[in-house]
Amino acid sequence: MNRDVDIYVLLTNTGTLFSKTIQLYTKNRLNHASIAFDQELTEVYSFGRKNPSNPFLAGFVREDVRGAFFEDSLCSLFKCTISHSTYVCIRNQIRYMEKNRDQYKYNLLGMVGVMLNIELKRDYAYFCSQFVASVFEQSGFVLVDKPALFVTPGDFEQTSKLELVYQGKLHTYTGVQTELQASGAFQTA
């Protein structure tokens, strides 16, 4: 079976102190990136907090975007149509990371590298947008025309390889949106 498959990139703003700090630098309204395997957002992965109440314990996570941590989040959901073989490659990378999650860390140093325009690569360490860009890149599908170490969530909003599906409050997203809902004004409250 070699048909094309849709995969999703979810950008969010949780309103946390860490998110606000990132926003001061990036000037982007959304500062967290995740990969979702389904439109309903039941299977979402990223690099972020392992425990929502502790920002210092971070790494590879399967996110519960319907949980309390994301309750007041703003979001943009993008769709990307990829080949079945690219999808399998992305799936396999995520499965490997999930199986070996304890060896993966959050790449805070890499984020500093983005700010200073210095490539600070660490083995088994990613920040959220680096993770998303790297997984696609290692599967042979480059989303953003720059090294994954320098990709910010805002870069995903600018690429022509992603199609906007929904924009607004994450908790109001139902997984099946009409074109009218997707083209509505972005809520900033």
N, C-alpha and C. Protein backbone atom coordinates (compact mmCIF):
# COMPACT_ATOMS: atom_id res chain seq x y z
N MET A 1 0.85 -1.18 0.00
CA MET A 1 0.00 0.00 0.00
C MET A 1 0.89 1.24 0.00
N ASN A 2 0.92 1.98 -1.09
CA ASN A 2 1.82 3.12 -1.22
C ASN A 2 1.09 4.43 -1.49
N ARG A 3 -0.01 4.64 -0.84
CA ARG A 3 -0.75 5.88 -1.05
C ARG A 3 -0.21 6.98 -0.14
N ASP A 4 -0.49 8.22 -0.50
CA ASP A 4 -0.06 9.35 0.32
C ASP A 4 -0.82 9.38 1.64
N VAL A 5 -0.18 9.96 2.64
CA VAL A 5 -0.72 9.99 4.00
C VAL A 5 -0.62 11.41 4.53
N ASP A 6 -1.61 11.83 5.32
CA ASP A 6 -1.54 13.13 5.98
C ASP A 6 -0.91 12.98 7.35
N ILE A 7 -0.07 13.95 7.69
CA ILE A 7 0.53 14.04 9.01
C ILE A 7 0.41 15.51 9.42
N TYR A 8 0.47 15.80 10.71
CA TYR A 8 0.15 17.14 11.19
C TYR A 8 1.27 17.72 12.03
N VAL A 9 1.40 19.05 11.94
CA VAL A 9 2.29 19.80 12.80
C VAL A 9 1.41 20.75 13.60
N LEU A 10 1.48 20.61 14.92
CA LEU A 10 0.68 21.42 15.83
C LEU A 10 1.58 22.45 16.51
N LEU A 11 1.20 23.71 16.39
CA LEU A 11 1.91 24.79 17.08
C LEU A 11 1.00 25.31 18.18
N THR A 12 1.57 25.51 19.37
CA THR A 12 0.76 25.96 20.50
C THR A 12 1.47 27.06 21.29
N ASN A 13 0.69 27.74 22.10
CA ASN A 13 1.19 28.68 23.09
C ASN A 13 0.44 28.36 24.37
N THR A 14 1.15 27.82 25.35
CA THR A 14 0.51 27.42 26.61
C THR A 14 0.39 28.57 27.59
N GLY A 15 1.09 29.67 27.33
CA GLY A 15 1.03 30.81 28.24
C GLY A 15 1.92 30.67 29.47
N THR A 16 2.76 29.65 29.51
CA THR A 16 3.66 29.47 30.65
C THR A 16 4.76 30.52 30.63
N LEU A 17 5.46 30.65 31.73
CA LEU A 17 6.58 31.59 31.82
C LEU A 17 7.65 31.24 30.78
N PHE A 18 7.92 29.95 30.60
CA PHE A 18 8.91 29.51 29.62
C PHE A 18 8.46 29.91 28.21
N SER A 19 7.20 29.68 27.89
CA SER A 19 6.67 30.05 26.58
C SER A 19 6.75 31.56 26.36
N LYS A 20 6.45 32.33 27.39
CA LYS A 20 6.52 33.80 27.28
C LYS A 20 7.95 34.26 27.08
N THR A 21 8.89 33.57 27.72
CA THR A 21 10.31 33.91 27.56
C THR A 21 10.76 33.65 26.13
N ILE A 22 10.37 32.52 25.57
CA ILE A 22 10.70 32.21 24.19
C ILE A 22 10.08 33.24 23.26
N GLN A 23 8.85 33.63 23.56
CA GLN A 23 8.13 34.58 22.72
C GLN A 23 8.84 35.94 22.69
N LEU A 24 9.46 36.33 23.80
CA LEU A 24 10.21 37.59 23.82
C LEU A 24 11.31 37.59 22.76
N TYR A 25 11.94 36.44 22.56
CA TYR A 25 13.01 36.35 21.56
C TYR A 25 12.44 36.18 20.15
N THR A 26 11.55 35.21 19.97
CA THR A 26 11.08 34.87 18.62
C THR A 26 10.08 35.86 18.05
N LYS A 27 9.34 36.52 18.92
CA LYS A 27 8.25 37.43 18.51
C LYS A 27 7.10 36.67 17.85
N ASN A 28 7.10 35.34 17.98
CA ASN A 28 6.03 34.52 17.42
C ASN A 28 4.95 34.30 18.46
N ARG A 29 3.70 34.23 18.03
CA ARG A 29 2.60 34.02 18.97
C ARG A 29 2.53 32.57 19.46
N LEU A 30 3.07 31.64 18.69
CA LEU A 30 3.05 30.22 19.05
C LEU A 30 4.49 29.73 19.17
N ASN A 31 4.84 29.10 20.29
CA ASN A 31 6.23 28.78 20.56
C ASN A 31 6.49 27.34 20.95
N HIS A 32 5.58 26.46 20.63
CA HIS A 32 5.80 25.04 20.87
C HIS A 32 5.32 24.28 19.64
N ALA A 33 6.14 23.30 19.19
CA ALA A 33 5.82 22.52 18.00
C ALA A 33 5.75 21.04 18.34
N SER A 34 4.79 20.35 17.73
CA SER A 34 4.59 18.92 17.94
C SER A 34 4.22 18.26 16.63
N ILE A 35 4.42 16.95 16.57
CA ILE A 35 3.98 16.14 15.43
C ILE A 35 2.75 15.36 15.87
N ALA A 36 1.71 15.37 15.04
CA ALA A 36 0.49 14.60 15.32
C ALA A 36 0.26 13.63 14.17
N PHE A 37 -0.10 12.41 14.51
CA PHE A 37 -0.33 11.40 13.49
C PHE A 37 -1.79 11.32 13.06
N ASP A 38 -2.67 12.08 13.72
CA ASP A 38 -4.08 12.03 13.34
C ASP A 38 -4.71 13.40 13.52
N GLN A 39 -5.74 13.65 12.76
CA GLN A 39 -6.43 14.94 12.77
C GLN A 39 -7.12 15.21 14.10
N GLU A 40 -7.47 14.15 14.82
CA GLU A 40 -8.16 14.31 16.10
C GLU A 40 -7.19 14.63 17.24
N LEU A 41 -5.89 14.59 16.96
CA LEU A 41 -4.83 14.91 17.93
C LEU A 41 -4.80 13.96 19.12
N THR A 42 -5.05 12.69 18.85
CA THR A 42 -4.96 11.69 19.92
C THR A 42 -3.55 11.13 20.05
N GLU A 43 -2.72 11.32 19.02
CA GLU A 43 -1.35 10.82 19.06
C GLU A 43 -0.41 11.96 18.66
N VAL A 44 0.10 12.65 19.68
CA VAL A 44 0.91 13.86 19.49
C VAL A 44 2.23 13.69 20.24
N TYR A 45 3.36 14.04 19.57
CA TYR A 45 4.69 13.87 20.17
C TYR A 45 5.50 15.15 20.04
N SER A 46 6.37 15.35 21.02
CA SER A 46 7.26 16.51 20.98
C SER A 46 8.38 16.34 22.00
N PHE A 47 9.13 17.40 22.17
CA PHE A 47 10.08 17.51 23.27
C PHE A 47 9.58 18.64 24.14
N GLY A 48 9.30 18.31 25.37
CA GLY A 48 8.75 19.29 26.29
C GLY A 48 8.74 18.72 27.70
N ARG A 49 7.85 19.25 28.52
CA ARG A 49 7.75 18.84 29.92
C ARG A 49 7.28 17.40 30.05
N LYS A 50 8.02 16.64 30.85
CA LYS A 50 7.58 15.28 31.17
C LYS A 50 6.52 15.33 32.27
N ASN A 51 6.61 16.35 33.09
CA ASN A 51 5.64 16.59 34.15
C ASN A 51 5.17 18.04 33.98
N PRO A 52 3.89 18.25 33.70
CA PRO A 52 3.40 19.61 33.44
C PRO A 52 3.73 20.63 34.53
N SER A 53 3.89 20.21 35.76
CA SER A 53 4.16 21.16 36.83
C SER A 53 5.65 21.42 37.04
N ASN A 54 6.53 20.74 36.25
CA ASN A 54 7.97 20.92 36.42
C ASN A 54 8.63 21.22 35.08
N PRO A 55 8.95 22.48 34.80
CA PRO A 55 9.55 22.83 33.51
C PRO A 55 10.99 22.35 33.35
N PHE A 56 11.62 21.91 34.43
CA PHE A 56 13.02 21.50 34.35
C PHE A 56 13.21 20.03 34.03
N LEU A 57 12.16 19.25 34.13
CA LEU A 57 12.20 17.84 33.78
C LEU A 57 11.56 17.70 32.40
N ALA A 58 12.40 17.69 31.37
CA ALA A 58 11.88 17.72 30.00
C ALA A 58 12.64 16.75 29.12
N GLY A 59 11.99 16.34 28.04
CA GLY A 59 12.57 15.43 27.08
C GLY A 59 11.51 14.98 26.09
N PHE A 60 11.67 13.80 25.53
CA PHE A 60 10.71 13.26 24.58
C PHE A 60 9.41 12.93 25.30
N VAL A 61 8.29 13.40 24.75
CA VAL A 61 6.99 13.18 25.40
C VAL A 61 5.90 12.87 24.37
N ARG A 62 4.96 12.05 24.81
CA ARG A 62 3.69 11.92 24.10
C ARG A 62 2.76 12.86 24.83
N GLU A 63 2.22 13.84 24.12
CA GLU A 63 1.45 14.90 24.74
C GLU A 63 -0.05 14.61 24.78
N ASP A 64 -0.66 14.98 25.87
CA ASP A 64 -2.10 14.92 26.01
C ASP A 64 -2.63 16.33 25.80
N VAL A 65 -2.93 16.68 24.56
CA VAL A 65 -3.34 18.05 24.26
C VAL A 65 -4.76 18.36 24.75
N ARG A 66 -5.44 17.35 25.25
CA ARG A 66 -6.77 17.57 25.84
C ARG A 66 -6.68 17.70 27.36
N GLY A 67 -5.48 17.59 27.91
CA GLY A 67 -5.27 17.69 29.35
C GLY A 67 -5.23 19.13 29.83
N ALA A 68 -5.16 19.29 31.14
CA ALA A 68 -5.20 20.60 31.78
C ALA A 68 -4.07 21.52 31.34
N PHE A 69 -2.89 20.97 31.08
CA PHE A 69 -1.74 21.81 30.71
C PHE A 69 -2.01 22.63 29.45
N PHE A 70 -2.72 22.06 28.50
CA PHE A 70 -3.01 22.74 27.23
C PHE A 70 -4.38 23.42 27.22
N GLU A 71 -5.08 23.42 28.35
CA GLU A 71 -6.47 23.87 28.40
C GLU A 71 -6.71 25.26 27.81
N ASP A 72 -5.84 26.20 28.08
CA ASP A 72 -6.04 27.57 27.59
C ASP A 72 -5.14 27.92 26.40
N SER A 73 -4.60 26.91 25.75
CA SER A 73 -3.62 27.14 24.68
C SER A 73 -4.26 27.64 23.39
N LEU A 74 -3.56 28.56 22.77
CA LEU A 74 -3.86 28.94 21.40
C LEU A 74 -3.11 27.98 20.50
N CYS A 75 -3.61 27.76 19.30
CA CYS A 75 -2.91 26.82 18.42
C CYS A 75 -3.14 27.14 16.95
N SER A 76 -2.25 26.56 16.15
CA SER A 76 -2.42 26.46 14.71
C SER A 76 -2.09 25.02 14.36
N LEU A 77 -2.96 24.39 13.61
CA LEU A 77 -2.74 23.01 13.19
C LEU A 77 -2.53 23.02 11.68
N PHE A 78 -1.43 22.41 11.27
CA PHE A 78 -1.08 22.33 9.86
C PHE A 78 -1.07 20.88 9.40
N LYS A 79 -1.42 20.68 8.15
CA LYS A 79 -1.42 19.35 7.54
C LYS A 79 -0.34 19.30 6.48
N CYS A 80 0.25 18.12 6.35
CA CYS A 80 1.25 17.88 5.32
C CYS A 80 0.96 16.51 4.71
N THR A 81 0.89 16.44 3.40
CA THR A 81 0.66 15.17 2.72
C THR A 81 2.02 14.63 2.28
N ILE A 82 2.34 13.42 2.76
CA ILE A 82 3.63 12.81 2.48
C ILE A 82 3.42 11.42 1.89
N SER A 83 4.47 10.87 1.33
CA SER A 83 4.39 9.52 0.77
C SER A 83 4.28 8.51 1.92
N HIS A 84 3.76 7.34 1.59
CA HIS A 84 3.63 6.28 2.59
C HIS A 84 4.99 5.90 3.15
N SER A 85 6.02 5.85 2.31
CA SER A 85 7.35 5.47 2.79
C SER A 85 7.93 6.53 3.74
N THR A 86 7.66 7.80 3.48
CA THR A 86 8.10 8.86 4.39
C THR A 86 7.37 8.73 5.72
N TYR A 87 6.08 8.46 5.65
CA TYR A 87 5.27 8.27 6.85
C TYR A 87 5.82 7.11 7.70
N VAL A 88 6.14 6.00 7.06
CA VAL A 88 6.68 4.84 7.78
C VAL A 88 8.00 5.21 8.45
N CYS A 89 8.83 5.95 7.75
CA CYS A 89 10.11 6.37 8.32
C CYS A 89 9.91 7.27 9.55
N ILE A 90 8.98 8.22 9.46
CA ILE A 90 8.67 9.09 10.60
C ILE A 90 8.13 8.25 11.76
N ARG A 91 7.22 7.36 11.46
CA ARG A 91 6.65 6.46 12.48
C ARG A 91 7.75 5.67 13.20
N ASN A 92 8.66 5.11 12.41
CA ASN A 92 9.74 4.30 12.98
C ASN A 92 10.65 5.13 13.88
N GLN A 93 10.93 6.36 13.48
CA GLN A 93 11.75 7.24 14.33
C GLN A 93 11.06 7.52 15.66
N ILE A 94 9.77 7.81 15.59
CA ILE A 94 9.01 8.11 16.81
C ILE A 94 8.95 6.87 17.70
N ARG A 95 8.71 5.71 17.11
CA ARG A 95 8.67 4.47 17.90
C ARG A 95 10.00 4.23 18.61
N TYR A 96 11.11 4.46 17.89
CA TYR A 96 12.43 4.28 18.49
C TYR A 96 12.61 5.24 19.67
N MET A 97 12.24 6.50 19.46
CA MET A 97 12.38 7.49 20.54
C MET A 97 11.50 7.13 21.73
N GLU A 98 10.30 6.67 21.44
CA GLU A 98 9.39 6.31 22.52
C GLU A 98 9.95 5.12 23.32
N LYS A 99 10.49 4.16 22.62
CA LYS A 99 11.06 2.97 23.26
C LYS A 99 12.30 3.33 24.09
N ASN A 100 13.04 4.32 23.65
CA ASN A 100 14.29 4.72 24.30
C ASN A 100 14.19 6.11 24.92
N ARG A 101 13.01 6.47 25.35
CA ARG A 101 12.74 7.83 25.82
C ARG A 101 13.67 8.31 26.94
N ASP A 102 14.17 7.40 27.76
CA ASP A 102 15.02 7.81 28.88
C ASP A 102 16.37 8.36 28.45
N GLN A 103 16.82 8.06 27.25
CA GLN A 103 18.11 8.57 26.81
C GLN A 103 17.99 9.95 26.15
N TYR A 104 16.77 10.41 25.91
CA TYR A 104 16.56 11.70 25.25
C TYR A 104 16.35 12.82 26.27
N LYS A 105 16.95 13.96 25.99
CA LYS A 105 16.86 15.13 26.87
C LYS A 105 16.39 16.33 26.06
N TYR A 106 15.97 17.35 26.79
CA TYR A 106 15.58 18.61 26.16
C TYR A 106 16.84 19.40 25.84
N ASN A 107 16.93 19.96 24.66
CA ASN A 107 18.12 20.67 24.20
C ASN A 107 18.02 22.17 24.49
N LEU A 108 18.09 22.54 25.76
CA LEU A 108 18.05 23.95 26.14
C LEU A 108 19.26 24.69 25.59
N LEU A 109 20.42 24.04 25.62
CA LEU A 109 21.63 24.64 25.07
C LEU A 109 21.45 24.94 23.58
N GLY A 110 20.78 24.05 22.86
CA GLY A 110 20.51 24.26 21.44
C GLY A 110 19.65 25.49 21.19
N MET A 111 18.73 25.75 22.11
CA MET A 111 17.89 26.96 21.98
C MET A 111 18.75 28.21 22.12
N VAL A 112 19.71 28.17 23.01
CA VAL A 112 20.65 29.29 23.15
C VAL A 112 21.42 29.45 21.85
N GLY A 113 21.80 28.33 21.23
CA GLY A 113 22.48 28.37 19.94
C GLY A 113 21.66 29.06 18.86
N VAL A 114 20.35 28.83 18.86
CA VAL A 114 19.47 29.51 17.90
C VAL A 114 19.57 31.02 18.10
N MET A 115 19.50 31.45 19.34
CA MET A 115 19.56 32.89 19.64
C MET A 115 20.88 33.51 19.23
N LEU A 116 21.97 32.75 19.36
CA LEU A 116 23.30 33.26 19.04
C LEU A 116 23.76 32.89 17.63
N ASN A 117 22.89 32.16 16.89
CA ASN A 117 23.20 31.68 15.55
C ASN A 117 24.47 30.82 15.54
N ILE A 118 24.57 29.96 16.56
CA ILE A 118 25.69 29.04 16.69
C ILE A 118 25.12 27.62 16.73
N GLU A 119 25.68 26.74 15.93
CA GLU A 119 25.20 25.37 15.87
C GLU A 119 25.69 24.60 17.11
N LEU A 120 24.77 24.29 18.02
CA LEU A 120 25.08 23.57 19.25
C LEU A 120 24.31 22.26 19.26
N LYS A 121 24.86 21.28 18.56
CA LYS A 121 24.20 19.97 18.46
C LYS A 121 24.62 19.09 19.62
N ARG A 122 23.64 18.43 20.21
CA ARG A 122 23.90 17.47 21.28
C ARG A 122 23.23 16.17 20.91
N ASP A 123 23.93 15.07 21.14
CA ASP A 123 23.35 13.75 20.86
C ASP A 123 22.16 13.50 21.79
N TYR A 124 21.11 12.95 21.23
CA TYR A 124 19.91 12.57 21.98
C TYR A 124 19.26 13.76 22.70
N ALA A 125 19.39 14.94 22.14
CA ALA A 125 18.79 16.12 22.75
C ALA A 125 18.18 17.00 21.66
N TYR A 126 16.94 17.41 21.89
CA TYR A 126 16.21 18.25 20.94
C TYR A 126 15.38 19.27 21.71
N PHE A 127 15.14 20.41 21.07
CA PHE A 127 14.05 21.29 21.51
C PHE A 127 12.91 21.02 20.53
N CYS A 128 11.72 21.47 20.84
CA CYS A 128 10.52 21.01 20.12
C CYS A 128 10.57 21.21 18.61
N SER A 129 10.90 22.39 18.14
CA SER A 129 10.89 22.63 16.69
C SER A 129 12.06 21.93 16.00
N GLN A 130 13.19 21.77 16.69
CA GLN A 130 14.31 21.00 16.17
C GLN A 130 13.88 19.55 15.97
N PHE A 131 13.16 19.01 16.94
CA PHE A 131 12.65 17.65 16.85
C PHE A 131 11.76 17.46 15.63
N VAL A 132 10.77 18.33 15.47
CA VAL A 132 9.84 18.21 14.35
C VAL A 132 10.59 18.30 13.02
N ALA A 133 11.45 19.32 12.87
CA ALA A 133 12.20 19.49 11.63
C ALA A 133 13.13 18.31 11.37
N SER A 134 13.78 17.81 12.42
CA SER A 134 14.72 16.69 12.27
C SER A 134 14.03 15.41 11.84
N VAL A 135 12.90 15.10 12.44
CA VAL A 135 12.19 13.87 12.10
C VAL A 135 11.77 13.89 10.62
N PHE A 136 11.26 15.01 10.17
CA PHE A 136 10.89 15.11 8.75
C PHE A 136 12.14 15.03 7.87
N GLU A 137 13.17 15.78 8.24
CA GLU A 137 14.41 15.82 7.46
C GLU A 137 15.04 14.43 7.34
N GLN A 138 15.11 13.70 8.44
CA GLN A 138 15.72 12.37 8.43
C GLN A 138 14.87 11.36 7.65
N SER A 139 13.63 11.74 7.37
CA SER A 139 12.75 10.89 6.56
C SER A 139 12.80 11.28 5.09
N GLY A 140 13.62 12.27 4.76
CA GLY A 140 13.77 12.69 3.38
C GLY A 140 12.80 13.76 2.93
N PHE A 141 12.08 14.37 3.86
CA PHE A 141 11.11 15.41 3.53
C PHE A 141 11.47 16.66 4.34
N VAL A 142 12.06 17.65 3.70
CA VAL A 142 12.50 18.86 4.39
C VAL A 142 11.35 19.86 4.43
N LEU A 143 10.92 20.21 5.64
CA LEU A 143 9.81 21.16 5.80
C LEU A 143 10.27 22.61 5.70
N VAL A 144 11.45 22.89 6.24
CA VAL A 144 11.95 24.26 6.32
C VAL A 144 13.35 24.28 5.72
N ASP A 145 13.62 25.29 4.92
CA ASP A 145 14.89 25.37 4.21
C ASP A 145 15.99 25.99 5.08
N LYS A 146 16.28 25.32 6.20
CA LYS A 146 17.39 25.69 7.06
C LYS A 146 17.70 24.50 7.94
N PRO A 147 18.88 24.42 8.52
CA PRO A 147 19.21 23.28 9.39
C PRO A 147 18.23 23.18 10.56
N ALA A 148 17.87 21.96 10.92
CA ALA A 148 16.91 21.73 12.01
C ALA A 148 17.33 22.40 13.31
N LEU A 149 18.63 22.55 13.53
CA LEU A 149 19.13 23.20 14.75
C LEU A 149 18.73 24.67 14.85
N PHE A 150 18.29 25.27 13.74
CA PHE A 150 17.92 26.68 13.74
C PHE A 150 16.44 26.92 13.49
N VAL A 151 15.66 25.86 13.40
CA VAL A 151 14.23 26.00 13.10
C VAL A 151 13.47 26.40 14.36
N THR A 152 12.63 27.41 14.21
CA THR A 152 11.74 27.85 15.29
C THR A 152 10.31 27.48 14.91
N PRO A 153 9.40 27.44 15.88
CA PRO A 153 8.00 27.16 15.53
C PRO A 153 7.45 28.12 14.47
N GLY A 154 7.87 29.37 14.50
CA GLY A 154 7.41 30.34 13.51
C GLY A 154 7.78 29.97 12.09
N ASP A 155 8.88 29.24 11.92
CA ASP A 155 9.29 28.81 10.58
C ASP A 155 8.25 27.87 9.96
N PHE A 156 7.58 27.09 10.78
CA PHE A 156 6.56 26.18 10.26
C PHE A 156 5.35 26.95 9.74
N GLU A 157 5.09 28.11 10.31
CA GLU A 157 3.97 28.93 9.83
C GLU A 157 4.27 29.53 8.46
N GLN A 158 5.55 29.66 8.13
CA GLN A 158 5.96 30.32 6.89
C GLN A 158 6.18 29.38 5.71
N THR A 159 6.32 28.08 5.97
CA THR A 159 6.64 27.17 4.87
C THR A 159 5.41 26.84 4.02
N SER A 160 5.65 26.74 2.73
CA SER A 160 4.56 26.39 1.80
C SER A 160 4.26 24.89 1.82
N LYS A 161 5.05 24.11 2.55
CA LYS A 161 4.86 22.66 2.58
C LYS A 161 3.81 22.23 3.60
N LEU A 162 3.30 23.18 4.37
CA LEU A 162 2.25 22.89 5.35
C LEU A 162 1.00 23.69 5.00
N GLU A 163 -0.14 23.06 5.17
CA GLU A 163 -1.43 23.70 4.90
C GLU A 163 -2.17 23.91 6.22
N LEU A 164 -2.60 25.14 6.47
CA LEU A 164 -3.33 25.46 7.69
C LEU A 164 -4.68 24.75 7.71
N VAL A 165 -4.94 24.03 8.80
CA VAL A 165 -6.20 23.30 8.97
C VAL A 165 -7.09 24.02 9.98
N TYR A 166 -6.48 24.53 11.05
CA TYR A 166 -7.25 25.17 12.12
C TYR A 166 -6.36 26.17 12.84
N GLN A 167 -7.01 27.23 13.33
CA GLN A 167 -6.31 28.25 14.11
C GLN A 167 -7.29 28.78 15.14
N GLY A 168 -6.90 28.79 16.39
CA GLY A 168 -7.76 29.28 17.46
C GLY A 168 -7.43 28.64 18.78
N LYS A 169 -8.42 28.52 19.64
CA LYS A 169 -8.24 27.87 20.95
C LYS A 169 -8.16 26.36 20.75
N LEU A 170 -7.16 25.74 21.35
CA LEU A 170 -6.97 24.30 21.18
C LEU A 170 -8.16 23.52 21.73
N HIS A 171 -8.71 23.96 22.87
CA HIS A 171 -9.80 23.18 23.48
C HIS A 171 -11.09 23.24 22.68
N THR A 172 -11.21 24.17 21.72
CA THR A 172 -12.42 24.20 20.88
C THR A 172 -12.24 23.42 19.58
N TYR A 173 -11.03 22.95 19.32
CA TYR A 173 -10.79 22.17 18.12
C TYR A 173 -11.40 20.78 18.30
N THR A 174 -12.21 20.37 17.33
CA THR A 174 -12.91 19.08 17.44
C THR A 174 -12.28 17.97 16.62
N GLY A 175 -11.36 18.32 15.74
CA GLY A 175 -10.75 17.29 14.89
C GLY A 175 -11.36 17.24 13.51
N VAL A 176 -12.54 17.79 13.35
CA VAL A 176 -13.18 17.84 12.04
C VAL A 176 -13.65 19.28 11.86
N GLN A 177 -12.87 20.04 11.14
CA GLN A 177 -13.15 21.46 10.98
C GLN A 177 -13.64 21.74 9.56
N THR A 178 -14.46 22.74 9.45
CA THR A 178 -14.89 23.16 8.12
C THR A 178 -13.90 24.20 7.60
N GLU A 179 -13.91 24.42 6.30
CA GLU A 179 -13.03 25.41 5.71
C GLU A 179 -13.30 26.79 6.31
N LEU A 180 -14.54 27.10 6.59
CA LEU A 180 -14.91 28.38 7.16
C LEU A 180 -14.27 28.55 8.55
N GLN A 181 -14.31 27.51 9.37
CA GLN A 181 -13.71 27.59 10.70
C GLN A 181 -12.20 27.78 10.61
N ALA A 182 -11.55 27.10 9.69
CA ALA A 182 -10.10 27.19 9.57
C ALA A 182 -9.66 28.56 9.10
N SER A 183 -10.51 29.26 8.33
CA SER A 183 -10.10 30.54 7.81
C SER A 183 -10.52 31.70 8.71
N GLY A 184 -11.10 31.40 9.87
CA GLY A 184 -11.54 32.43 10.80
C GLY A 184 -10.36 33.19 11.39
N ALA A 185 -10.68 34.30 12.01
CA ALA A 185 -9.63 35.13 12.62
C ALA A 185 -8.99 34.42 13.80
N PHE A 186 -7.72 34.61 13.97
CA PHE A 186 -6.99 34.01 15.08
C PHE A 186 -7.31 34.75 16.35
N GLN A 187 -7.67 34.00 17.38
CA GLN A 187 -8.01 34.61 18.65
C GLN A 187 -6.74 34.88 19.44
N THR A 188 -6.58 36.10 19.93
CA THR A 188 -5.38 36.44 20.68
C THR A 188 -5.64 36.53 22.17
N ALA A 189 -6.85 36.35 22.57
CA ALA A 189 -7.17 36.45 24.00
C ALA A 189 -6.75 35.21 24.76
